[in-house]
Amino acid sequence: MVGIFCFNAMAYLVYILYSEKLNKFYVGFTSDFDVRLEFHLQGDDLSRFTRRATDWKLYLQLACKSKEQAMKVELHIKSMKSSTYIRNLKQYPELVSKLLERFADLT
C-alpha cells in the first residue's frame, strides 16, 4: 500500500480499491476511509459496481487539501479509464505529486 499524505483538520482522500476477483479498480473519495471501505465491503453499497465483489483491498490513497481537490483528482483518474494509468500512479510517486499540484486549489 502506498499513500501520500498531508495533514489538515478535515482530510479528504482519493482512494483506489482493487478486487482480485474482478481484476478491476474502483476510484472514490472520502473524508473517512474506514467507514467508506466498510460500506463497500458489506455489499449493500448503492453502487452496483462494488457490490459485485467483497474482496476490495486498498491499492493506493492520495491525501488532498480539500473536498474540491479530491473531487477533481477522482474525476481525472476515472476519466483516464486505464488500469495502466492507475498502476503507474503507484509505481511512479512523482506522477501523484504532479496530479495533486495540477488540481491544487487556487484560493
Protein backbone atom coordinates (compact mmCIF):
# COMPACT_ATOMS: atom_id res chain seq x y z
CA MET A 1 0.00 0.00 0.00
CA VAL A 2 1.32 3.41 -0.96
CA GLY A 3 -0.05 6.65 0.37
CA ILE A 4 0.80 10.29 0.04
CA PHE A 5 -0.35 12.34 2.98
CA CYS A 6 -0.67 15.93 4.09
CA PHE A 7 -2.13 16.97 7.41
CA ASN A 8 -5.14 19.20 7.93
CA ALA A 9 -8.25 19.31 10.10
CA MET A 10 -10.63 17.63 7.64
CA ALA A 11 -8.58 15.41 5.36
CA TYR A 12 -10.07 14.15 2.13
CA LEU A 13 -8.64 11.11 0.44
CA VAL A 14 -8.90 9.82 -3.07
CA TYR A 15 -8.72 6.07 -2.72
CA ILE A 16 -8.26 3.31 -5.23
CA LEU A 17 -9.50 -0.15 -4.37
CA TYR A 18 -8.63 -3.33 -6.22
CA SER A 19 -10.64 -6.54 -6.48
CA GLU A 20 -8.69 -9.62 -7.43
CA LYS A 21 -11.95 -11.46 -8.13
CA LEU A 22 -12.99 -8.88 -10.73
CA ASN A 23 -9.46 -7.82 -11.69
CA LYS A 24 -10.80 -4.26 -11.51
CA PHE A 25 -10.06 -0.98 -9.79
CA TYR A 26 -12.56 1.33 -8.09
CA VAL A 27 -11.80 5.02 -7.53
CA GLY A 28 -13.58 7.15 -4.96
CA PHE A 29 -13.04 9.93 -2.42
CA THR A 30 -13.98 10.31 1.23
CA SER A 31 -13.20 12.09 4.46
CA ASP A 32 -13.50 8.83 6.46
CA PHE A 33 -11.81 5.96 4.67
CA ASP A 34 -12.53 3.24 7.26
CA VAL A 35 -16.28 3.87 7.16
CA ARG A 36 -16.27 4.09 3.36
CA LEU A 37 -14.31 0.85 2.93
CA GLU A 38 -16.69 -0.98 5.24
CA PHE A 39 -19.57 0.38 3.16
CA HIS A 40 -18.03 -1.15 0.02
CA LEU A 41 -17.18 -4.47 1.68
CA GLN A 42 -20.66 -5.07 3.11
CA GLY A 43 -22.06 -5.48 -0.37
CA ASP A 44 -25.16 -3.37 0.24
CA ASP A 45 -23.49 -0.40 -1.38
CA LEU A 46 -25.74 1.58 -3.72
CA SER A 47 -23.04 1.24 -6.35
CA ARG A 48 -23.74 -1.79 -8.47
CA PHE A 49 -20.07 -1.92 -9.36
CA THR A 50 -18.63 -2.51 -5.88
CA ARG A 51 -21.44 -4.91 -4.95
CA ARG A 52 -20.04 -7.38 -7.46
CA ALA A 53 -17.14 -8.32 -5.16
CA THR A 54 -16.33 -8.45 -1.46
CA ASP A 55 -12.56 -8.68 -1.74
CA TRP A 56 -11.82 -4.98 -2.24
CA LYS A 57 -8.38 -4.01 -0.90
CA LEU A 58 -6.76 -0.60 -0.69
CA TYR A 59 -4.40 -0.19 -3.62
CA LEU A 60 -3.49 3.49 -3.31
CA GLN A 61 -4.63 6.60 -1.48
CA LEU A 62 -3.88 10.24 -2.15
CA ALA A 63 -4.36 12.88 0.53
CA CYS A 64 -5.95 16.07 -0.76
CA LYS A 65 -6.11 19.56 0.70
CA SER A 66 -9.84 19.98 0.16
CA LYS A 67 -13.01 18.25 -0.93
CA GLU A 68 -12.88 20.15 -4.22
CA GLN A 69 -9.36 18.92 -4.96
CA ALA A 70 -10.34 15.35 -4.10
CA MET A 71 -13.33 15.53 -6.44
CA LYS A 72 -11.18 16.85 -9.30
CA VAL A 73 -8.47 14.22 -8.79
CA GLU A 74 -11.06 11.42 -8.59
CA LEU A 75 -12.75 12.60 -11.78
CA HIS A 76 -9.43 12.86 -13.59
CA ILE A 77 -8.38 9.32 -12.64
CA LYS A 78 -11.79 7.94 -13.64
CA SER A 79 -11.69 9.82 -16.95
CA MET A 80 -8.42 8.12 -17.85
CA LYS A 81 -10.27 4.76 -17.90
CA SER A 82 -6.95 2.98 -17.61
CA SER A 83 -5.66 0.38 -15.21
CA THR A 84 -2.19 1.08 -16.61
CA TYR A 85 -2.52 4.71 -15.52
CA ILE A 86 -3.55 3.61 -12.03
CA ARG A 87 -0.63 1.16 -11.80
CA ASN A 88 1.71 3.94 -12.94
CA LEU A 89 0.43 6.22 -10.17
CA LYS A 90 1.54 3.62 -7.66
CA GLN A 91 4.81 2.80 -9.39
CA TYR A 92 5.86 6.42 -10.01
CA PRO A 93 5.07 8.65 -6.97
CA GLU A 94 6.15 11.74 -8.93
CA LEU A 95 3.02 11.28 -11.07
CA VAL A 96 0.90 11.56 -7.92
CA SER A 97 2.72 14.74 -6.89
CA LYS A 98 2.13 16.28 -10.32
CA LEU A 99 -1.53 15.25 -10.25
CA LEU A 100 -2.07 16.84 -6.84
CA GLU A 101 -0.29 20.01 -8.00
CA ARG A 102 -2.37 20.16 -11.16
CA PHE A 103 -5.59 20.16 -9.16
CA ALA A 104 -4.38 22.22 -6.20
CA ASP A 105 -6.83 24.86 -5.06
CA LEU A 106 -6.11 28.29 -6.41
CA THR A 107 -7.66 30.09 -3.44
